[in-house]
Protein backbone atom coordinates (compact mmCIF):
# COMPACT_ATOMS: atom_id res chain seq x y z
CA MET A 1 41.13 -55.78 -19.36
CA SER A 2 44.71 -55.38 -17.19
CA THR A 3 46.30 -56.90 -14.32
CA THR A 4 48.17 -54.59 -11.53
CA PRO A 5 51.54 -57.56 -10.73
CA PRO A 6 51.56 -58.28 -7.16
CA LEU A 7 53.36 -55.87 -5.17
CA ASP A 8 56.24 -56.28 -3.84
CA PRO A 9 57.56 -55.75 0.28
CA LEU A 10 60.81 -55.05 -0.18
CA ASP A 11 58.79 -51.71 -2.04
CA PHE A 12 57.84 -50.41 0.80
CA LEU A 13 60.57 -51.35 2.45
CA ALA A 14 63.07 -49.18 -0.08
CA ILE A 15 60.50 -46.15 -0.42
CA ALA A 16 60.49 -46.34 3.49
CA ARG A 17 64.59 -45.46 3.46
CA GLU A 18 64.70 -43.02 1.03
CA VAL A 19 61.73 -41.02 3.39
CA ALA A 20 63.49 -41.39 6.24
CA GLY A 21 65.83 -39.41 4.85
CA GLY A 22 63.46 -36.37 4.75
CA GLY A 23 64.36 -36.64 8.31
CA SER A 24 60.96 -34.86 9.41
CA ASP A 25 58.51 -35.96 11.99
CA ALA A 26 56.42 -37.22 8.37
CA HIS A 27 59.20 -38.69 7.14
CA LEU A 28 59.92 -40.84 9.62
CA ARG A 29 56.02 -41.56 10.69
CA THR A 30 55.43 -41.86 7.11
CA ALA A 31 59.07 -44.32 7.26
CA VAL A 32 58.46 -46.10 9.69
CA ASN A 33 54.47 -47.42 8.47
CA ARG A 34 55.94 -48.25 5.11
CA ALA A 35 58.87 -50.16 6.93
CA TYR A 36 55.81 -51.73 8.66
CA TYR A 37 54.03 -52.55 5.84
CA CYS A 38 56.86 -54.48 4.86
CA SER A 39 57.00 -56.30 7.78
CA PHE A 40 53.08 -57.38 7.68
CA LEU A 41 53.38 -58.42 3.35
CA ILE A 42 55.48 -60.85 4.68
CA ALA A 43 53.96 -62.62 7.25
CA ARG A 44 50.67 -62.48 5.74
CA ASP A 45 52.76 -64.41 2.70
CA ARG A 46 54.44 -66.10 5.05
CA THR A 47 51.36 -67.79 8.39
CA GLY A 48 49.31 -68.60 4.78
CA VAL A 49 46.66 -65.97 6.64
CA ALA A 50 44.52 -64.43 3.90
CA GLY A 51 41.15 -62.63 4.00
CA THR A 52 41.16 -59.56 4.91
CA LYS A 53 38.71 -59.08 8.41
CA ASP A 54 40.88 -58.57 11.36
CA ILE A 55 43.87 -59.39 8.83
CA HIS A 56 46.63 -57.53 11.02
CA LYS A 57 45.20 -59.62 14.25
CA ARG A 58 45.32 -62.49 12.18
CA VAL A 59 48.54 -61.43 11.25
CA ILE A 60 49.99 -61.35 14.56
CA THR A 61 48.16 -64.25 16.28
CA ALA A 62 49.89 -66.24 14.07
CA VAL A 63 53.42 -65.17 13.99
CA ARG A 64 53.54 -65.28 18.34
CA SER A 65 51.50 -68.94 17.57
CA SER A 66 54.88 -70.20 15.47
CA ASP A 67 56.65 -72.81 17.40
CA PRO A 68 59.82 -71.21 17.29
CA SER A 69 61.53 -74.60 17.34
CA SER A 70 59.54 -75.72 14.26
CA PRO A 71 61.08 -75.51 10.45
CA ALA A 72 57.61 -74.11 9.49
CA PRO A 73 57.78 -71.50 6.36
CA CYS A 74 56.68 -68.62 9.69
CA ARG A 75 59.53 -69.12 11.77
CA ILE A 76 60.52 -65.85 12.53
CA SER A 77 64.33 -66.47 13.19
CA ARG A 78 64.15 -66.96 9.57
CA TRP A 79 62.72 -64.07 8.20
CA PRO A 80 65.39 -62.01 7.83
CA SER A 81 67.21 -64.09 5.02
CA ALA A 82 64.15 -62.10 2.98
CA LEU A 83 65.58 -58.51 3.50
CA PRO A 84 68.69 -58.07 2.08
CA GLU A 85 71.64 -56.71 3.44
CA SER A 86 71.48 -52.98 5.19
CA GLN A 87 73.06 -50.71 3.27
CA GLU A 88 74.41 -48.24 6.61
């Protein structure tokens, strides 16, 4: 039985950039969706929220309740370091 490796959140960001180049409203909506999912996966992993029930709500709550002065891995100001430099 083969196991599929976990998806890299940054793959969704790369897809978002590709799709955004299509220019139509549908392309842009899809790009925003994929970019959001990238951010969500990073936030989920950084906050340690697990499970599936109400996962988006629980991740948002964890991010909002994190202490901005804390060195904890879920501190938002540290997240950009996980993303590649903009190519624009």
